[in-house]
């Protein structure tokens, strides 16, 4: 019944051009029989729309294949592998994220209903609200910090850093050296900006963590001091713990998707490789691999990743040279 209510509510919000990104939907108390038929109609309508889209794209694909004179099975296999890797896989990742978020939001709704079934007083309602808000801020700031560190590890600075190097010197017979010097200055600037962003993210994370710890400690102190009308039953504390775990898992799911889709695999950034005036391909948004020690000889990207990991303990007799 709750799922049906959510479907109808979201459909109503969409029809009214309301912000569909809202995390909470208006609760609808409708009888199950009244919900069943509209939900089935919505589902069938969506399935028919998808079917028409599939038929349209299949027809378009057949027409394009027929125009190629030398379209062989090898070419078709290569295209299918490319589509599966760069087309289907990111869509599957996005689908899995949406399914996971639906499950988390459903569990959160059920926990909230169970909480109100215990008939909490105003203090108990406010405690649950404050803890949930503080926990969400902790997880959001934590995952943002991790995302920035992953960007350094995978050599993927934010897209906004691309504007740092828009002005490049004009190359002439001795301009290559000037170009290299200018490129180093740009990369140093990017590293400086990344350092500032990481420091700000760390400050925000520790601030939000301190706030959450304070809210939690205040709740337990009030509970131990037996303040009138400010107690918490075992059932309520268990529900709050489950809600906090739900928040943690939900934010982890979001940022795992962001890291895998945007940073580790770069499915959204396939066209970011540009060509410079020398005809060489370059990605202006990347960090330079030799700026760590500013040496003449550059490290490879694999060596850069190893250096970014920092010192690692290796057990004795486990080092080999090949």
C-alpha atoms as a PDB file:
ATOM      1  CA  UNK A   1       0.000   0.000   0.000  1.00  0.00           C
ATOM      2  CA  UNK A   2       2.840   2.405   0.847  1.00  0.00           C
ATOM      3  CA  UNK A   3       4.549   1.736  -2.505  1.00  0.00           C
ATOM      4  CA  UNK A   4       1.302   2.392  -4.359  1.00  0.00           C
ATOM      5  CA  UNK A   5       0.805   5.615  -2.445  1.00  0.00           C
ATOM      6  CA  UNK A   6       4.341   6.705  -3.305  1.00  0.00           C
ATOM      7  CA  UNK A   7       3.811   5.932  -7.021  1.00  0.00           C
ATOM      8  CA  UNK A   8       0.616   7.983  -7.158  1.00  0.00           C
ATOM      9  CA  UNK A   9       2.149  10.821  -5.183  1.00  0.00           C
ATOM     10  CA  UNK A  10       5.213  11.025  -7.426  1.00  0.00           C
ATOM     11  CA  UNK A  11       2.994  10.932 -10.516  1.00  0.00           C
ATOM     12  CA  UNK A  12       0.876  13.744  -9.108  1.00  0.00           C
ATOM     13  CA  UNK A  13       3.975  15.790  -8.306  1.00  0.00           C
ATOM     14  CA  UNK A  14       5.291  15.269 -11.846  1.00  0.00           C
ATOM     15  CA  UNK A  15       2.020  16.303 -13.435  1.00  0.00           C
ATOM     16  CA  UNK A  16       2.011  19.485 -11.336  1.00  0.00           C
ATOM     17  CA  UNK A  17       5.620  20.320 -12.346  1.00  0.00           C
ATOM     18  CA  UNK A  18       6.702  20.072  -8.731  1.00  0.00           C
ATOM     19  CA  UNK A  19      10.357  19.511  -7.796  1.00  0.00           C
ATOM     20  CA  UNK A  20      10.815  15.761  -8.106  1.00  0.00           C
ATOM     21  CA  UNK A  21      14.118  15.820  -6.250  1.00  0.00           C
ATOM     22  CA  UNK A  22      12.393  16.333  -2.932  1.00  0.00           C
ATOM     23  CA  UNK A  23      13.314  13.598  -0.483  1.00  0.00           C
ATOM     24  CA  UNK A  24       9.853  13.502   1.098  1.00  0.00           C
ATOM     25  CA  UNK A  25       6.533  13.057  -0.612  1.00  0.00           C
ATOM     26  CA  UNK A  26       3.085  13.993   0.628  1.00  0.00           C
ATOM     27  CA  UNK A  27       1.480  11.054   2.378  1.00  0.00           C
ATOM     28  CA  UNK A  28      -1.715   9.818   0.816  1.00  0.00           C
ATOM     29  CA  UNK A  29      -4.169   7.768   2.773  1.00  0.00           C
ATOM     30  CA  UNK A  30      -6.133   5.983   0.054  1.00  0.00           C
ATOM     31  CA  UNK A  31      -7.784   2.606   0.174  1.00  0.00           C
ATOM     32  CA  UNK A  32      -5.883  -0.212  -1.477  1.00  0.00           C
ATOM     33  CA  UNK A  33      -8.647  -0.869  -3.985  1.00  0.00           C
ATOM     34  CA  UNK A  34      -8.658   2.765  -5.061  1.00  0.00           C
ATOM     35  CA  UNK A  35      -4.886   2.674  -5.540  1.00  0.00           C
ATOM     36  CA  UNK A  36      -4.593  -0.587  -7.461  1.00  0.00           C
ATOM     37  CA  UNK A  37      -6.141   0.477 -10.776  1.00  0.00           C
ATOM     38  CA  UNK A  38      -4.307   3.849 -11.101  1.00  0.00           C
ATOM     39  CA  UNK A  39      -1.005   2.135 -10.285  1.00  0.00           C
ATOM     40  CA  UNK A  40      -1.568  -0.546 -12.911  1.00  0.00           C
ATOM     41  CA  UNK A  41      -2.459   2.131 -15.466  1.00  0.00           C
ATOM     42  CA  UNK A  42       0.712   4.067 -14.674  1.00  0.00           C
ATOM     43  CA  UNK A  43       2.839   0.929 -14.961  1.00  0.00           C
ATOM     44  CA  UNK A  44       1.264  -0.143 -18.262  1.00  0.00           C
ATOM     45  CA  UNK A  45       1.641   3.369 -19.640  1.00  0.00           C
ATOM     46  CA  UNK A  46       5.336   3.375 -18.783  1.00  0.00           C
ATOM     47  CA  UNK A  47       5.873  -0.095 -20.277  1.00  0.00           C
ATOM     48  CA  UNK A  48       4.154   0.899 -23.520  1.00  0.00           C
ATOM     49  CA  UNK A  49       6.310   4.004 -23.743  1.00  0.00           C
ATOM     50  CA  UNK A  50       9.474   1.946 -23.302  1.00  0.00           C
ATOM     51  CA  UNK A  51       8.277  -0.563 -25.898  1.00  0.00           C
ATOM     52  CA  UNK A  52       7.729   2.193 -28.463  1.00  0.00           C
ATOM     53  CA  UNK A  53      11.183   3.581 -27.784  1.00  0.00           C
ATOM     54  CA  UNK A  54      12.796   0.152 -28.248  1.00  0.00           C
ATOM     55  CA  UNK A  55      11.000  -0.386 -31.538  1.00  0.00           C
ATOM     56  CA  UNK A  56      12.010   3.066 -32.765  1.00  0.00           C
ATOM     57  CA  UNK A  57      15.708   2.589 -31.963  1.00  0.00           C
ATOM     58  CA  UNK A  58      15.774  -0.940 -33.415  1.00  0.00           C
ATOM     59  CA  UNK A  59      14.348   0.397 -36.671  1.00  0.00           C
ATOM     60  CA  UNK A  60      16.865   3.266 -36.698  1.00  0.00           C
ATOM     61  CA  UNK A  61      19.745   0.844 -36.071  1.00  0.00           C
ATOM     62  CA  UNK A  62      18.667  -1.437 -38.926  1.00  0.00           C
ATOM     63  CA  UNK A  63      18.494   1.528 -41.294  1.00  0.00           C
ATOM     64  CA  UNK A  64      21.978   2.709 -40.379  1.00  0.00           C
ATOM     65  CA  UNK A  65      23.453  -0.784 -40.678  1.00  0.00           C
ATOM     66  CA  UNK A  66      21.992  -1.175 -44.139  1.00  0.00           C
ATOM     67  CA  UNK A  67      23.795   1.965 -45.335  1.00  0.00           C
ATOM     68  CA  UNK A  68      27.254   0.504 -44.559  1.00  0.00           C
ATOM     69  CA  UNK A  69      28.598  -1.531 -47.479  1.00  0.00           C
ATOM     70  CA  UNK A  70      31.312  -3.366 -45.529  1.00  0.00           C
ATOM     71  CA  UNK A  71      29.482  -3.929 -42.276  1.00  0.00           C
ATOM     72  CA  UNK A  72      30.913  -7.266 -41.095  1.00  0.00           C
ATOM     73  CA  UNK A  73      30.294  -9.397 -38.034  1.00  0.00           C
ATOM     74  CA  UNK A  74      33.659  -8.253 -36.641  1.00  0.00           C
ATOM     75  CA  UNK A  75      32.567  -4.624 -36.801  1.00  0.00           C
ATOM     76  CA  UNK A  76      29.255  -5.523 -35.207  1.00  0.00           C
ATOM     77  CA  UNK A  77      31.003  -7.370 -32.377  1.00  0.00           C
ATOM     78  CA  UNK A  78      33.326  -4.408 -31.763  1.00  0.00           C
ATOM     79  CA  UNK A  79      30.359  -2.026 -31.619  1.00  0.00           C
ATOM     80  CA  UNK A  80      28.501  -4.298 -29.220  1.00  0.00           C
ATOM     81  CA  UNK A  81      31.513  -4.456 -26.869  1.00  0.00           C
ATOM     82  CA  UNK A  82      31.868  -0.666 -26.958  1.00  0.00           C
ATOM     83  CA  UNK A  83      28.152  -0.143 -26.301  1.00  0.00           C
ATOM     84  CA  UNK A  84      28.170  -2.662 -23.447  1.00  0.00           C
ATOM     85  CA  UNK A  85      31.203  -1.009 -21.818  1.00  0.00           C
ATOM     86  CA  UNK A  86      30.428   2.675 -22.324  1.00  0.00           C
ATOM     87  CA  UNK A  87      26.675   2.628 -22.913  1.00  0.00           C
ATOM     88  CA  UNK A  88      24.972  -0.210 -21.047  1.00  0.00           C
ATOM     89  CA  UNK A  89      27.229  -0.400 -17.984  1.00  0.00           C
ATOM     90  CA  UNK A  90      26.781   3.243 -16.866  1.00  0.00           C
ATOM     91  CA  UNK A  91      23.028   2.908 -17.379  1.00  0.00           C
ATOM     92  CA  UNK A  92      23.024  -0.226 -15.232  1.00  0.00           C
ATOM     93  CA  UNK A  93      24.977   1.610 -12.547  1.00  0.00           C
ATOM     94  CA  UNK A  94      22.460   4.462 -12.600  1.00  0.00           C
ATOM     95  CA  UNK A  95      19.572   1.985 -12.438  1.00  0.00           C
ATOM     96  CA  UNK A  96      21.107   0.163  -9.479  1.00  0.00           C
ATOM     97  CA  UNK A  97      21.557   3.463  -7.659  1.00  0.00           C
ATOM     98  CA  UNK A  98      17.927   4.455  -8.191  1.00  0.00           C
ATOM     99  CA  UNK A  99      16.719   1.065  -6.970  1.00  0.00           C
ATOM    100  CA  UNK A 100      18.931   1.285  -3.893  1.00  0.00           C
ATOM    101  CA  UNK A 101      17.696   4.807  -3.077  1.00  0.00           C
ATOM    102  CA  UNK A 102      14.083   3.688  -3.402  1.00  0.00           C
ATOM    103  CA  UNK A 103      14.760   0.902  -0.908  1.00  0.00           C
ATOM    104  CA  UNK A 104      16.534   3.243   1.508  1.00  0.00           C
ATOM    105  CA  UNK A 105      13.755   5.838   1.283  1.00  0.00           C
ATOM    106  CA  UNK A 106      11.137   3.128   1.822  1.00  0.00           C
ATOM    107  CA  UNK A 107      12.967   1.825   4.897  1.00  0.00           C
ATOM    108  CA  UNK A 108      13.287   5.381   6.222  1.00  0.00           C
ATOM    109  CA  UNK A 109       9.549   5.928   5.803  1.00  0.00           C
ATOM    110  CA  UNK A 110       8.774   2.689   7.640  1.00  0.00           C
ATOM    111  CA  UNK A 111      11.121   3.597  10.486  1.00  0.00           C
ATOM    112  CA  UNK A 112       9.481   6.998  10.806  1.00  0.00           C
ATOM    113  CA  UNK A 113       6.026   5.469  10.952  1.00  0.00           C
ATOM    114  CA  UNK A 114       7.144   2.972  13.585  1.00  0.00           C
ATOM    115  CA  UNK A 115       8.622   5.838  15.582  1.00  0.00           C
ATOM    116  CA  UNK A 116       5.369   7.815  15.572  1.00  0.00           C
ATOM    117  CA  UNK A 117       3.398   4.695  16.461  1.00  0.00           C
ATOM    118  CA  UNK A 118       5.209   4.785  19.818  1.00  0.00           C
ATOM    119  CA  UNK A 119       3.529   8.178  20.400  1.00  0.00           C
ATOM    120  CA  UNK A 120       6.703  10.141  21.196  1.00  0.00           C
ATOM    121  CA  UNK A 121       6.496  13.519  22.931  1.00  0.00           C
ATOM    122  CA  UNK A 122       7.845  16.758  21.454  1.00  0.00           C
ATOM    123  CA  UNK A 123      11.290  16.252  22.969  1.00  0.00           C
ATOM    124  CA  UNK A 124      11.651  12.751  21.549  1.00  0.00           C
ATOM    125  CA  UNK A 125      10.542  13.940  18.112  1.00  0.00           C
ATOM    126  CA  UNK A 126      13.042  16.804  18.208  1.00  0.00           C
ATOM    127  CA  UNK A 127      15.874  14.477  19.279  1.00  0.00           C
ATOM    128  CA  UNK A 128      15.226  12.144  16.341  1.00  0.00           C
ATOM    129  CA  UNK A 129      15.081  15.082  13.938  1.00  0.00           C
ATOM    130  CA  UNK A 130      18.297  16.712  15.195  1.00  0.00           C
ATOM    131  CA  UNK A 131      20.246  13.442  15.184  1.00  0.00           C
ATOM    132  CA  UNK A 132      19.060  12.549  11.683  1.00  0.00           C
ATOM    133  CA  UNK A 133      19.953  15.988  10.318  1.00  0.00           C
ATOM    134  CA  UNK A 134      23.380  15.978  11.990  1.00  0.00           C
ATOM    135  CA  UNK A 135      24.119  12.437  10.781  1.00  0.00           C
ATOM    136  CA  UNK A 136      23.203  13.355   7.213  1.00  0.00           C
ATOM    137  CA  UNK A 137      25.620  16.294   7.352  1.00  0.00           C
ATOM    138  CA  UNK A 138      28.380  14.028   8.687  1.00  0.00           C
ATOM    139  CA  UNK A 139      27.950  11.466   5.934  1.00  0.00           C
ATOM    140  CA  UNK A 140      27.630  14.076   3.203  1.00  0.00           C
ATOM    141  CA  UNK A 141      30.800  15.923   4.276  1.00  0.00           C
ATOM    142  CA  UNK A 142      32.650  12.647   4.790  1.00  0.00           C
ATOM    143  CA  UNK A 143      31.839  11.339   1.334  1.00  0.00           C
ATOM    144  CA  UNK A 144      32.689  14.715  -0.231  1.00  0.00           C
ATOM    145  CA  UNK A 145      36.118  14.555   1.408  1.00  0.00           C
ATOM    146  CA  UNK A 146      36.662  10.995   0.181  1.00  0.00           C
ATOM    147  CA  UNK A 147      35.626  12.017  -3.326  1.00  0.00           C
ATOM    148  CA  UNK A 148      38.254  14.776  -3.396  1.00  0.00           C
ATOM    149  CA  UNK A 149      40.944  12.340  -2.251  1.00  0.00           C
ATOM    150  CA  UNK A 150      39.875   9.844  -4.902  1.00  0.00           C
ATOM    151  CA  UNK A 151      40.227  12.610  -7.488  1.00  0.00           C
ATOM    152  CA  UNK A 152      43.851  13.022  -6.471  1.00  0.00           C
ATOM    153  CA  UNK A 153      44.456   9.281  -6.531  1.00  0.00           C
ATOM    154  CA  UNK A 154      42.909   8.832  -9.994  1.00  0.00           C
ATOM    155  CA  UNK A 155      44.381  12.079 -11.315  1.00  0.00           C
ATOM    156  CA  UNK A 156      40.915  13.554 -11.961  1.00  0.00           C
ATOM    157  CA  UNK A 157      40.626  17.121 -10.625  1.00  0.00           C
ATOM    158  CA  UNK A 158      37.215  18.854 -10.733  1.00  0.00           C
ATOM    159  CA  UNK A 159      36.019  20.073 -14.121  1.00  0.00           C
ATOM    160  CA  UNK A 160      36.115  23.660 -12.871  1.00  0.00           C
ATOM    161  CA  UNK A 161      39.914  23.445 -12.814  1.00  0.00           C
ATOM    162  CA  UNK A 162      39.933  23.343 -16.617  1.00  0.00           C
ATOM    163  CA  UNK A 163      39.472  27.113 -16.771  1.00  0.00           C
ATOM    164  CA  UNK A 164      42.806  27.635 -14.996  1.00  0.00           C
ATOM    165  CA  UNK A 165      44.789  26.975 -18.161  1.00  0.00           C
ATOM    166  CA  UNK A 166      42.687  28.708 -20.808  1.00  0.00           C
ATOM    167  CA  UNK A 167      45.402  31.252 -21.688  1.00  0.00           C
ATOM    168  CA  UNK A 168      48.404  29.553 -23.269  1.00  0.00           C
ATOM    169  CA  UNK A 169      51.433  31.257 -24.860  1.00  0.00           C
ATOM    170  CA  UNK A 170      51.827  31.289 -28.641  1.00  0.00           C
ATOM    171  CA  UNK A 171      54.326  28.692 -29.777  1.00  0.00           C
ATOM    172  CA  UNK A 172      57.250  29.562 -32.061  1.00  0.00           C
ATOM    173  CA  UNK A 173      60.676  28.050 -32.752  1.00  0.00           C
ATOM    174  CA  UNK A 174      61.715  28.385 -29.076  1.00  0.00           C
ATOM    175  CA  UNK A 175      58.193  28.481 -27.638  1.00  0.00           C
ATOM    176  CA  UNK A 176      58.167  24.853 -26.524  1.00  0.00           C
ATOM    177  CA  UNK A 177      60.282  25.654 -23.469  1.00  0.00           C
ATOM    178  CA  UNK A 178      58.034  28.591 -22.623  1.00  0.00           C
ATOM    179  CA  UNK A 179      55.005  26.342 -23.113  1.00  0.00           C
ATOM    180  CA  UNK A 180      56.432  23.763 -20.694  1.00  0.00           C
ATOM    181  CA  UNK A 181      57.123  26.436 -18.069  1.00  0.00           C
ATOM    182  CA  UNK A 182      53.610  27.850 -18.433  1.00  0.00           C
ATOM    183  CA  UNK A 183      52.143  24.341 -18.202  1.00  0.00           C
ATOM    184  CA  UNK A 184      54.003  23.710 -14.937  1.00  0.00           C
ATOM    185  CA  UNK A 185      52.683  26.958 -13.460  1.00  0.00           C
ATOM    186  CA  UNK A 186      49.117  25.950 -14.392  1.00  0.00           C
ATOM    187  CA  UNK A 187      49.526  22.518 -12.834  1.00  0.00           C
ATOM    188  CA  UNK A 188      50.954  24.000  -9.644  1.00  0.00           C
ATOM    189  CA  UNK A 189      47.925  26.270  -9.475  1.00  0.00           C
ATOM    190  CA  UNK A 190      45.606  23.279  -9.830  1.00  0.00           C
ATOM    191  CA  UNK A 191      47.399  21.408  -7.062  1.00  0.00           C
ATOM    192  CA  UNK A 192      47.170  24.462  -4.811  1.00  0.00           C
ATOM    193  CA  UNK A 193      43.425  24.722  -5.469  1.00  0.00           C
ATOM    194  CA  UNK A 194      42.982  21.019  -4.747  1.00  0.00           C
ATOM    195  CA  UNK A 195      44.893  21.348  -1.477  1.00  0.00           C
ATOM    196  CA  UNK A 196      42.623  24.208  -0.395  1.00  0.00           C
ATOM    197  CA  UNK A 197      39.485  22.242  -1.273  1.00  0.00           C
ATOM    198  CA  UNK A 198      40.636  19.168   0.652  1.00  0.00           C
ATOM    199  CA  UNK A 199      41.509  21.283   3.698  1.00  0.00           C
ATOM    200  CA  UNK A 200      38.086  22.965   3.599  1.00  0.00           C
ATOM    201  CA  UNK A 201      36.357  19.587   3.216  1.00  0.00           C
ATOM    202  CA  UNK A 202      38.267  18.172   6.200  1.00  0.00           C
ATOM    203  CA  UNK A 203      37.314  21.179   8.335  1.00  0.00           C
ATOM    204  CA  UNK A 204      33.652  20.818   7.403  1.00  0.00           C
ATOM    205  CA  UNK A 205      33.697  17.080   8.097  1.00  0.00           C
ATOM    206  CA  UNK A 206      35.229  17.402  11.562  1.00  0.00           C
ATOM    207  CA  UNK A 207      32.880  20.280  12.398  1.00  0.00           C
ATOM    208  CA  UNK A 208      29.792  18.258  11.432  1.00  0.00           C
ATOM    209  CA  UNK A 209      31.139  15.192  13.263  1.00  0.00           C
ATOM    210  CA  UNK A 210      31.662  17.262  16.408  1.00  0.00           C
ATOM    211  CA  UNK A 211      28.118  18.591  16.156  1.00  0.00           C
ATOM    212  CA  UNK A 212      26.674  15.088  15.780  1.00  0.00           C
ATOM    213  CA  UNK A 213      28.694  13.748  18.715  1.00  0.00           C
ATOM    214  CA  UNK A 214      27.438  16.664  20.810  1.00  0.00           C
ATOM    215  CA  UNK A 215      23.800  15.951  19.914  1.00  0.00           C
ATOM    216  CA  UNK A 216      24.213  12.264  20.709  1.00  0.00           C
ATOM    217  CA  UNK A 217      26.041  12.908  23.987  1.00  0.00           C
ATOM    218  CA  UNK A 218      23.337  15.390  25.038  1.00  0.00           C
ATOM    219  CA  UNK A 219      20.625  12.807  24.451  1.00  0.00           C
ATOM    220  CA  UNK A 220      22.383  10.162  26.574  1.00  0.00           C
ATOM    221  CA  UNK A 221      23.219  12.671  29.336  1.00  0.00           C
ATOM    222  CA  UNK A 222      19.581  13.742  29.566  1.00  0.00           C
ATOM    223  CA  UNK A 223      18.569  10.080  29.644  1.00  0.00           C
ATOM    224  CA  UNK A 224      20.986   9.271  32.497  1.00  0.00           C
ATOM    225  CA  UNK A 225      19.959  12.355  34.494  1.00  0.00           C
ATOM    226  CA  UNK A 226      16.328  11.209  34.390  1.00  0.00           C
ATOM    227  CA  UNK A 227      15.034  14.603  33.271  1.00  0.00           C
ATOM    228  CA  UNK A 228      11.263  14.694  33.328  1.00  0.00           C
ATOM    229  CA  UNK A 229       9.585  14.197  29.925  1.00  0.00           C
ATOM    230  CA  UNK A 230      13.009  13.893  28.270  1.00  0.00           C
ATOM    231  CA  UNK A 231      13.571  10.170  28.499  1.00  0.00           C
ATOM    232  CA  UNK A 232      14.061   7.709  25.640  1.00  0.00           C
ATOM    233  CA  UNK A 233      12.652   4.206  25.612  1.00  0.00           C
ATOM    234  CA  UNK A 234      14.649   1.249  24.288  1.00  0.00           C
ATOM    235  CA  UNK A 235      12.311   0.982  21.302  1.00  0.00           C
ATOM    236  CA  UNK A 236      12.839   4.620  20.347  1.00  0.00           C
ATOM    237  CA  UNK A 237      16.629   4.439  20.667  1.00  0.00           C
ATOM    238  CA  UNK A 238      16.708   1.277  18.524  1.00  0.00           C
ATOM    239  CA  UNK A 239      14.618   2.982  15.858  1.00  0.00           C
ATOM    240  CA  UNK A 240      16.924   6.009  15.916  1.00  0.00           C
ATOM    241  CA  UNK A 241      19.999   3.765  15.558  1.00  0.00           C
ATOM    242  CA  UNK A 242      18.424   2.020  12.573  1.00  0.00           C
ATOM    243  CA  UNK A 243      17.580   5.397  11.040  1.00  0.00           C
ATOM    244  CA  UNK A 244      21.170   6.603  11.476  1.00  0.00           C
ATOM    245  CA  UNK A 245      22.472   3.418   9.842  1.00  0.00           C
ATOM    246  CA  UNK A 246      20.029   3.943   6.984  1.00  0.00           C
ATOM    247  CA  UNK A 247      21.395   7.454   6.440  1.00  0.00           C
ATOM    248  CA  UNK A 248      24.988   6.197   6.423  1.00  0.00           C
ATOM    249  CA  UNK A 249      24.245   3.435   3.914  1.00  0.00           C
ATOM    250  CA  UNK A 250      22.254   5.775   1.667  1.00  0.00           C
ATOM    251  CA  UNK A 251      25.034   8.361   1.371  1.00  0.00           C
ATOM    252  CA  UNK A 252      27.634   5.636   0.857  1.00  0.00           C
ATOM    253  CA  UNK A 253      25.586   4.272  -2.037  1.00  0.00           C
ATOM    254  CA  UNK A 254      25.402   7.710  -3.659  1.00  0.00           C
ATOM    255  CA  UNK A 255      29.114   8.436  -3.447  1.00  0.00           C
ATOM    256  CA  UNK A 256      30.162   4.929  -4.475  1.00  0.00           C
ATOM    257  CA  UNK A 257      28.191   5.569  -7.643  1.00  0.00           C
ATOM    258  CA  UNK A 258      29.802   8.989  -8.096  1.00  0.00           C
ATOM    259  CA  UNK A 259      33.303   7.611  -7.633  1.00  0.00           C
ATOM    260  CA  UNK A 260      32.770   4.623  -9.928  1.00  0.00           C
ATOM    261  CA  UNK A 261      30.915   6.546 -12.617  1.00  0.00           C
ATOM    262  CA  UNK A 262      32.617   9.943 -12.663  1.00  0.00           C
ATOM    263  CA  UNK A 263      36.114   9.346 -11.301  1.00  0.00           C
ATOM    264  CA  UNK A 264      37.240   5.734 -11.603  1.00  0.00           C
ATOM    265  CA  UNK A 265      35.671   5.051 -15.024  1.00  0.00           C
ATOM    266  CA  UNK A 266      34.890   8.576 -16.328  1.00  0.00           C
ATOM    267  CA  UNK A 267      31.749   7.460 -18.167  1.00  0.00           C
ATOM    268  CA  UNK A 268      30.508  11.046 -18.199  1.00  0.00           C
ATOM    269  CA  UNK A 269      33.761  12.536 -19.490  1.00  0.00           C
ATOM    270  CA  UNK A 270      34.634  10.585 -22.637  1.00  0.00           C
ATOM    271  CA  UNK A 271      34.980  13.746 -24.749  1.00  0.00           C
ATOM    272  CA  UNK A 272      37.253  15.583 -22.324  1.00  0.00           C
ATOM    273  CA  UNK A 273      40.420  14.729 -24.285  1.00  0.00           C
ATOM    274  CA  UNK A 274      41.357  17.735 -26.403  1.00  0.00           C
ATOM    275  CA  UNK A 275      44.022  18.301 -29.037  1.00  0.00           C
ATOM    276  CA  UNK A 276      46.625  21.014 -28.496  1.00  0.00           C
ATOM    277  CA  UNK A 277      48.320  23.170 -31.136  1.00  0.00           C
ATOM    278  CA  UNK A 278      51.011  20.533 -31.698  1.00  0.00           C
ATOM    279  CA  UNK A 279      48.394  17.987 -32.659  1.00  0.00           C
ATOM    280  CA  UNK A 280      48.997  16.008 -29.479  1.00  0.00           C
ATOM    281  CA  UNK A 281      46.123  14.823 -27.347  1.00  0.00           C
ATOM    282  CA  UNK A 282      46.019  16.325 -23.894  1.00  0.00           C
ATOM    283  CA  UNK A 283      43.578  16.457 -21.034  1.00  0.00           C
ATOM    284  CA  UNK A 284      43.874  19.943 -19.562  1.00  0.00           C
ATOM    285  CA  UNK A 285      41.944  18.987 -16.433  1.00  0.00           C
ATOM    286  CA  UNK A 286      44.538  16.471 -15.254  1.00  0.00           C
ATOM    287  CA  UNK A 287      47.316  17.029 -12.775  1.00  0.00           C
ATOM    288  CA  UNK A 288      50.875  16.923 -14.019  1.00  0.00           C
ATOM    289  CA  UNK A 289      52.677  13.714 -13.125  1.00  0.00           C
ATOM    290  CA  UNK A 290      56.063  15.324 -12.487  1.00  0.00           C
ATOM    291  CA  UNK A 291      55.061  18.175 -10.203  1.00  0.00           C
ATOM    292  CA  UNK A 292      55.388  16.103  -7.054  1.00  0.00           C
ATOM    293  CA  UNK A 293      59.164  16.561  -7.044  1.00  0.00           C
ATOM    294  CA  UNK A 294      59.439  18.979 -10.014  1.00  0.00           C
ATOM    295  CA  UNK A 295      62.006  16.708 -11.679  1.00  0.00           C
ATOM    296  CA  UNK A 296      63.061  16.752 -15.309  1.00  0.00           C
ATOM    297  CA  UNK A 297      61.956  13.164 -15.948  1.00  0.00           C
ATOM    298  CA  UNK A 298      58.227  12.512 -15.660  1.00  0.00           C
ATOM    299  CA  UNK A 299      56.612   9.660 -13.789  1.00  0.00           C
ATOM    300  CA  UNK A 300      54.106   7.486 -15.568  1.00  0.00           C
ATOM    301  CA  UNK A 301      50.457   7.554 -14.427  1.00  0.00           C
ATOM    302  CA  UNK A 302      50.927   4.164 -12.752  1.00  0.00           C
ATOM    303  CA  UNK A 303      53.925   5.455 -10.824  1.00  0.00           C
ATOM    304  CA  UNK A 304      51.940   8.536  -9.842  1.00  0.00           C
ATOM    305  CA  UNK A 305      49.162   6.379  -8.413  1.00  0.00           C
ATOM    306  CA  UNK A 306      51.690   4.405  -6.379  1.00  0.00           C
ATOM    307  CA  UNK A 307      53.196   7.613  -4.997  1.00  0.00           C
ATOM    308  CA  UNK A 308      49.768   8.946  -4.077  1.00  0.00           C
ATOM    309  CA  UNK A 309      49.200   5.926  -1.851  1.00  0.00           C
ATOM    310  CA  UNK A 310      51.984   7.077   0.453  1.00  0.00           C
ATOM    311  CA  UNK A 311      54.312   4.756   2.393  1.00  0.00           C
ATOM    312  CA  UNK A 312      53.150   1.142   2.505  1.00  0.00           C
ATOM    313  CA  UNK A 313      54.516  -1.574   4.744  1.00  0.00           C
ATOM    314  CA  UNK A 314      55.843  -4.580   2.854  1.00  0.00           C
ATOM    315  CA  UNK A 315      56.542  -7.757   4.842  1.00  0.00           C
ATOM    316  CA  UNK A 316      60.093  -9.064   4.740  1.00  0.00           C
ATOM    317  CA  UNK A 317      61.040 -11.389   1.894  1.00  0.00           C
ATOM    318  CA  UNK A 318      58.047 -10.128  -0.101  1.00  0.00           C
ATOM    319  CA  UNK A 319      59.917  -7.659  -2.320  1.00  0.00           C
ATOM    320  CA  UNK A 320      61.043  -8.954  -5.706  1.00  0.00           C
ATOM    321  CA  UNK A 321      62.578  -7.280  -8.736  1.00  0.00           C
ATOM    322  CA  UNK A 322      61.336  -8.423 -12.122  1.00  0.00           C
END
